[in-house]
Each structure stands twice: as C-alpha cells, then as structure tokens.
PDB file of N, CA and C in Angstrom:
ATOM      1  N   UNK A   1       5.479 103.330 -94.377  1.00  0.00           N
ATOM      2  CA  UNK A   1       5.436 102.416 -93.251  1.00  0.00           C
ATOM      3  C   UNK A   1       5.289 100.997 -93.806  1.00  0.00           C
ATOM      4  N   UNK A   2       6.206 100.150 -93.434  1.00  0.00           N
ATOM      5  CA  UNK A   2       6.118  98.776 -93.911  1.00  0.00           C
ATOM      6  C   UNK A   2       5.602  97.875 -92.789  1.00  0.00           C
ATOM      7  N   UNK A   3       5.560  96.596 -93.052  1.00  0.00           N
ATOM      8  CA  UNK A   3       4.985  95.625 -92.126  1.00  0.00           C
ATOM      9  C   UNK A   3       5.771  95.546 -90.821  1.00  0.00           C
ATOM     10  N   UNK A   4       7.078  95.674 -90.889  1.00  0.00           N
ATOM     11  CA  UNK A   4       7.894  95.604 -89.674  1.00  0.00           C
ATOM     12  C   UNK A   4       7.611  96.778 -88.733  1.00  0.00           C
ATOM     13  N   UNK A   5       7.361  97.970 -89.287  1.00  0.00           N
ATOM     14  CA  UNK A   5       7.008  99.116 -88.451  1.00  0.00           C
ATOM     15  C   UNK A   5       5.681  98.875 -87.735  1.00  0.00           C
ATOM     16  N   UNK A   6       4.739  98.273 -88.421  1.00  0.00           N
ATOM     17  CA  UNK A   6       3.448  97.950 -87.817  1.00  0.00           C
ATOM     18  C   UNK A   6       3.621  96.912 -86.699  1.00  0.00           C
ATOM     19  N   UNK A   7       4.455  95.911 -86.943  1.00  0.00           N
ATOM     20  CA  UNK A   7       4.721  94.898 -85.920  1.00  0.00           C
ATOM     21  C   UNK A   7       5.356  95.524 -84.678  1.00  0.00           C
ATOM     22  N   UNK A   8       6.288  96.436 -84.874  1.00  0.00           N
ATOM     23  CA  UNK A   8       6.945  97.113 -83.755  1.00  0.00           C
ATOM     24  C   UNK A   8       5.929  97.945 -82.982  1.00  0.00           C
ATOM     25  N   UNK A   9       5.064  98.657 -83.688  1.00  0.00           N
ATOM     26  CA  UNK A   9       4.045  99.481 -83.023  1.00  0.00           C
ATOM     27  C   UNK A   9       3.104  98.615 -82.206  1.00  0.00           C
ATOM     28  N   UNK A  10       2.670  97.490 -82.748  1.00  0.00           N
ATOM     29  CA  UNK A  10       1.772  96.588 -82.019  1.00  0.00           C
ATOM     30  C   UNK A  10       2.490  96.011 -80.803  1.00  0.00           C
ATOM     31  N   UNK A  11       3.756  95.680 -80.933  1.00  0.00           N
ATOM     32  CA  UNK A  11       4.506  95.138 -79.806  1.00  0.00           C
ATOM     33  C   UNK A  11       4.648  96.180 -78.692  1.00  0.00           C
ATOM     34  N   UNK A  12       4.911  97.410 -79.039  1.00  0.00           N
ATOM     35  CA  UNK A  12       5.068  98.470 -78.043  1.00  0.00           C
ATOM     36  C   UNK A  12       3.741  98.738 -77.332  1.00  0.00           C
ATOM     37  N   UNK A  13       2.664  98.801 -78.069  1.00  0.00           N
ATOM     38  CA  UNK A  13       1.348  99.006 -77.459  1.00  0.00           C
ATOM     39  C   UNK A  13       0.990  97.831 -76.554  1.00  0.00           C
ATOM     40  N   UNK A  14       1.248  96.619 -76.990  1.00  0.00           N
ATOM     41  CA  UNK A  14       0.956  95.437 -76.180  1.00  0.00           C
ATOM     42  C   UNK A  14       1.789  95.418 -74.902  1.00  0.00           C
ATOM     43  N   UNK A  15       3.051  95.788 -75.002  1.00  0.00           N
ATOM     44  CA  UNK A  15       3.917  95.819 -73.829  1.00  0.00           C
ATOM     45  C   UNK A  15       3.459  96.894 -72.844  1.00  0.00           C
ATOM     46  N   UNK A  16       3.055  98.049 -73.353  1.00  0.00           N
ATOM     47  CA  UNK A  16       2.555  99.112 -72.486  1.00  0.00           C
ATOM     48  C   UNK A  16       1.269  98.672 -71.789  1.00  0.00           C
ATOM     49  N   UNK A  17       0.401  97.974 -72.500  1.00  0.00           N
ATOM     50  CA  UNK A  17      -0.819  97.445 -71.903  1.00  0.00           C
ATOM     51  C   UNK A  17      -0.491  96.418 -70.823  1.00  0.00           C
ATOM     52  N   UNK A  18       0.464  95.556 -71.085  1.00  0.00           N
ATOM     53  CA  UNK A  18       0.907  94.573 -70.099  1.00  0.00           C
ATOM     54  C   UNK A  18       1.427  95.260 -68.843  1.00  0.00           C
ATOM     55  N   UNK A  19       2.256  96.278 -69.003  1.00  0.00           N
ATOM     56  CA  UNK A  19       2.778  96.998 -67.844  1.00  0.00           C
ATOM     57  C   UNK A  19       1.668  97.708 -67.079  1.00  0.00           C
ATOM     58  N   UNK A  20       0.685  98.216 -67.773  1.00  0.00           N
ATOM     59  CA  UNK A  20      -0.461  98.858 -67.118  1.00  0.00           C
ATOM     60  C   UNK A  20      -1.265  97.870 -66.294  1.00  0.00           C
ATOM     61  N   UNK A  21      -1.519  96.700 -66.843  1.00  0.00           N
ATOM     62  CA  UNK A  21      -2.247  95.668 -66.105  1.00  0.00           C
ATOM     63  C   UNK A  21      -1.430  95.197 -64.919  1.00  0.00           C
ATOM     64  N   UNK A  22      -0.148  95.059 -65.086  1.00  0.00           N
ATOM     65  CA  UNK A  22       0.732  94.655 -63.990  1.00  0.00           C
ATOM     66  C   UNK A  22       0.707  95.686 -62.863  1.00  0.00           C
ATOM     67  N   UNK A  23       0.784  96.958 -63.202  1.00  0.00           N
ATOM     68  CA  UNK A  23       0.743  98.015 -62.189  1.00  0.00           C
ATOM     69  C   UNK A  23      -0.611  98.027 -61.483  1.00  0.00           C
ATOM     70  N   UNK A  24      -1.691  97.821 -62.224  1.00  0.00           N
ATOM     71  CA  UNK A  24      -3.030  97.788 -61.632  1.00  0.00           C
ATOM     72  C   UNK A  24      -3.160  96.623 -60.661  1.00  0.00           C
ATOM     73  N   UNK A  25      -2.667  95.453 -61.052  1.00  0.00           N
ATOM     74  CA  UNK A  25      -2.802  94.265 -60.209  1.00  0.00           C
ATOM     75  C   UNK A  25      -1.972  94.359 -58.941  1.00  0.00           C
ATOM     76  N   UNK A  26      -0.844  95.029 -58.984  1.00  0.00           N
ATOM     77  CA  UNK A  26       0.038  95.124 -57.817  1.00  0.00           C
ATOM     78  C   UNK A  26      -0.145  96.415 -57.034  1.00  0.00           C
ATOM     79  N   UNK A  27      -1.130  97.238 -57.393  1.00  0.00           N
ATOM     80  CA  UNK A  27      -1.307  98.497 -56.672  1.00  0.00           C
ATOM     81  C   UNK A  27      -1.830  98.233 -55.262  1.00  0.00           C
ATOM     82  N   UNK A  28      -1.433  99.080 -54.355  1.00  0.00           N
ATOM     83  CA  UNK A  28      -1.814  98.912 -52.947  1.00  0.00           C
ATOM     84  C   UNK A  28      -3.316  99.104 -52.752  1.00  0.00           C
ATOM     85  N   UNK A  29      -3.959  99.896 -53.577  1.00  0.00           N
ATOM     86  CA  UNK A  29      -5.398 100.118 -53.435  1.00  0.00           C
ATOM     87  C   UNK A  29      -6.205  98.860 -53.738  1.00  0.00           C
ATOM     88  N   UNK A  30      -5.696  97.986 -54.579  1.00  0.00           N
ATOM     89  CA  UNK A  30      -6.422  96.781 -54.986  1.00  0.00           C
ATOM     90  C   UNK A  30      -6.141  95.590 -54.077  1.00  0.00           C
ATOM     91  N   UNK A  31      -5.145  95.683 -53.206  1.00  0.00           N
ATOM     92  CA  UNK A  31      -4.712  94.549 -52.390  1.00  0.00           C
ATOM     93  C   UNK A  31      -5.846  94.001 -51.527  1.00  0.00           C
ATOM     94  N   UNK A  32      -6.622  94.861 -50.890  1.00  0.00           N
ATOM     95  CA  UNK A  32      -7.698  94.414 -49.998  1.00  0.00           C
ATOM     96  C   UNK A  32      -8.748  93.596 -50.760  1.00  0.00           C
ATOM     97  N   UNK A  33      -9.164  94.080 -51.914  1.00  0.00           N
ATOM     98  CA  UNK A  33     -10.187  93.350 -52.677  1.00  0.00           C
ATOM     99  C   UNK A  33      -9.638  92.051 -53.249  1.00  0.00           C
ATOM    100  N   UNK A  34      -8.370  92.025 -53.646  1.00  0.00           N
ATOM    101  CA  UNK A  34      -7.780  90.783 -54.153  1.00  0.00           C
ATOM    102  C   UNK A  34      -7.608  89.761 -53.030  1.00  0.00           C
ATOM    103  N   UNK A  35      -7.212  90.218 -51.829  1.00  0.00           N
ATOM    104  CA  UNK A  35      -7.096  89.293 -50.699  1.00  0.00           C
ATOM    105  C   UNK A  35      -8.455  88.715 -50.326  1.00  0.00           C
ATOM    106  N   UNK A  36      -9.484  89.543 -50.372  1.00  0.00           N
ATOM    107  CA  UNK A  36     -10.834  89.071 -50.076  1.00  0.00           C
ATOM    108  C   UNK A  36     -11.295  88.053 -51.126  1.00  0.00           C
ATOM    109  N   UNK A  37     -11.025  88.319 -52.386  1.00  0.00           N
ATOM    110  CA  UNK A  37     -11.410  87.393 -53.448  1.00  0.00           C
ATOM    111  C   UNK A  37     -10.646  86.080 -53.340  1.00  0.00           C
ATOM    112  N   UNK A  38      -9.415  86.122 -52.841  1.00  0.00           N
ATOM    113  CA  UNK A  38      -8.623  84.900 -52.691  1.00  0.00           C
ATOM    114  C   UNK A  38      -9.183  83.999 -51.596  1.00  0.00           C
ATOM    115  N   UNK A  39      -9.922  84.571 -50.652  1.00  0.00           N
ATOM    116  CA  UNK A  39     -10.490  83.770 -49.564  1.00  0.00           C
ATOM    117  C   UNK A  39     -11.852  83.176 -49.893  1.00  0.00           C
ATOM    118  N   UNK A  40     -12.489  83.564 -50.997  1.00  0.00           N
ATOM    119  CA  UNK A  40     -13.822  83.071 -51.334  1.00  0.00           C
ATOM    120  C   UNK A  40     -13.945  81.547 -51.375  1.00  0.00           C
ATOM    121  N   UNK A  41     -13.032  80.817 -51.999  1.00  0.00           N
ATOM    122  CA  UNK A  41     -13.189  79.351 -52.041  1.00  0.00           C
ATOM    123  C   UNK A  41     -13.187  78.722 -50.646  1.00  0.00           C
ATOM    124  N   UNK A  42     -12.443  79.301 -49.723  1.00  0.00           N
ATOM    125  CA  UNK A  42     -12.358  78.737 -48.381  1.00  0.00           C
ATOM    126  C   UNK A  42     -13.589  79.070 -47.551  1.00  0.00           C
ATOM    127  N   UNK A  43     -14.266  80.154 -47.874  1.00  0.00           N
ATOM    128  CA  UNK A  43     -15.479  80.512 -47.138  1.00  0.00           C
ATOM    129  C   UNK A  43     -16.581  79.494 -47.386  1.00  0.00           C
ATOM    130  N   UNK A  44     -16.701  78.983 -48.613  1.00  0.00           N
ATOM    131  CA  UNK A  44     -17.702  77.965 -48.915  1.00  0.00           C
ATOM    132  C   UNK A  44     -17.429  76.687 -48.138  1.00  0.00           C
ATOM    133  N   UNK A  45     -16.174  76.302 -47.993  1.00  0.00           N
ATOM    134  CA  UNK A  45     -15.836  75.090 -47.253  1.00  0.00           C
ATOM    135  C   UNK A  45     -16.129  75.261 -45.768  1.00  0.00           C
ATOM    136  N   UNK A  46     -15.948  76.452 -45.242  1.00  0.00           N
ATOM    137  CA  UNK A  46     -16.200  76.683 -43.830  1.00  0.00           C
ATOM    138  C   UNK A  46     -17.689  76.620 -43.517  1.00  0.00           C
ATOM    139  N   UNK A  47     -18.528  77.060 -44.438  1.00  0.00           N
ATOM    140  CA  UNK A  47     -19.973  77.008 -44.226  1.00  0.00           C
ATOM    141  C   UNK A  47     -20.505  75.586 -44.330  1.00  0.00           C
ATOM    142  N   UNK A  48     -19.822  74.747 -45.089  1.00  0.00           N
ATOM    143  CA  UNK A  48     -20.230  73.361 -45.231  1.00  0.00           C
ATOM    144  C   UNK A  48     -21.471  73.168 -46.080  1.00  0.00           C
ATOM    145  N   UNK A  49     -21.718  74.036 -47.003  1.00  0.00           N
ATOM    146  CA  UNK A  49     -22.908  73.931 -47.840  1.00  0.00           C
ATOM    147  C   UNK A  49     -22.517  74.004 -49.306  1.00  0.00           C
ATOM    148  N   UNK A  50     -23.312  73.367 -50.115  1.00  0.00           N
ATOM    149  CA  UNK A  50     -23.142  73.455 -51.555  1.00  0.00           C
ATOM    150  C   UNK A  50     -23.683  74.799 -52.018  1.00  0.00           C
ATOM    151  N   UNK A  51     -23.339  75.244 -53.234  1.00  0.00           N
ATOM    152  CA  UNK A  51     -23.829  76.535 -53.733  1.00  0.00           C
ATOM    153  C   UNK A  51     -25.344  76.618 -53.802  1.00  0.00           C
ATOM    154  N   UNK A  52     -26.029  75.483 -53.974  1.00  0.00           N
ATOM    155  CA  UNK A  52     -27.486  75.520 -54.063  1.00  0.00           C
ATOM    156  C   UNK A  52     -28.149  75.432 -52.699  1.00  0.00           C
ATOM    157  N   UNK A  53     -27.386  75.423 -51.618  1.00  0.00           N
ATOM    158  CA  UNK A  53     -27.945  75.439 -50.278  1.00  0.00           C
ATOM    159  C   UNK A  53     -28.035  74.071 -49.624  1.00  0.00           C
ATOM    160  N   UNK A  54     -27.747  72.972 -50.349  1.00  0.00           N
ATOM    161  CA  UNK A  54     -27.818  71.636 -49.761  1.00  0.00           C
ATOM    162  C   UNK A  54     -26.597  71.392 -48.884  1.00  0.00           C
ATOM    163  N   UNK A  55     -26.832  70.686 -47.777  1.00  0.00           N
ATOM    164  CA  UNK A  55     -25.716  70.318 -46.900  1.00  0.00           C
ATOM    165  C   UNK A  55     -25.012  69.114 -47.494  1.00  0.00           C
ATOM    166  N   UNK A  56     -23.727  68.990 -47.208  1.00  0.00           N
ATOM    167  CA  UNK A  56     -22.948  67.859 -47.707  1.00  0.00           C
ATOM    168  C   UNK A  56     -23.249  66.630 -46.926  1.00  0.00           C
TER     169      UNK A  56
END
C-alpha cells in the first residue's frame, strides 16, 4: 500500500461521513427540532429582554 492508496481511502471515508451528515441533517425526523432551533434568535427579540434579564 503506497501513499496514494491511503489518500484514496481517507477521501472515501471522508465522503461517506459527509453523506451521512447530509442525510442526518435533511432527515424528516430532525426537521421539527431544526425549525425550532432556527426560531430561537427571534424569540429573544419578541420578549424584549437581554439574556441577563435586563430590559432594553
């Protein structure tokens, strides 16, 4: 096994990991929690308070 074979193996493993993360992120089971997390910044603005509890 030479260096090029090792590079190919690392590339294939990395690509498979990328596809796994992509499938996880786009899965229908995760959509609800991701949509909820996307609304977090707007919830703070609606409350009108700083993170430490002080009003603006």
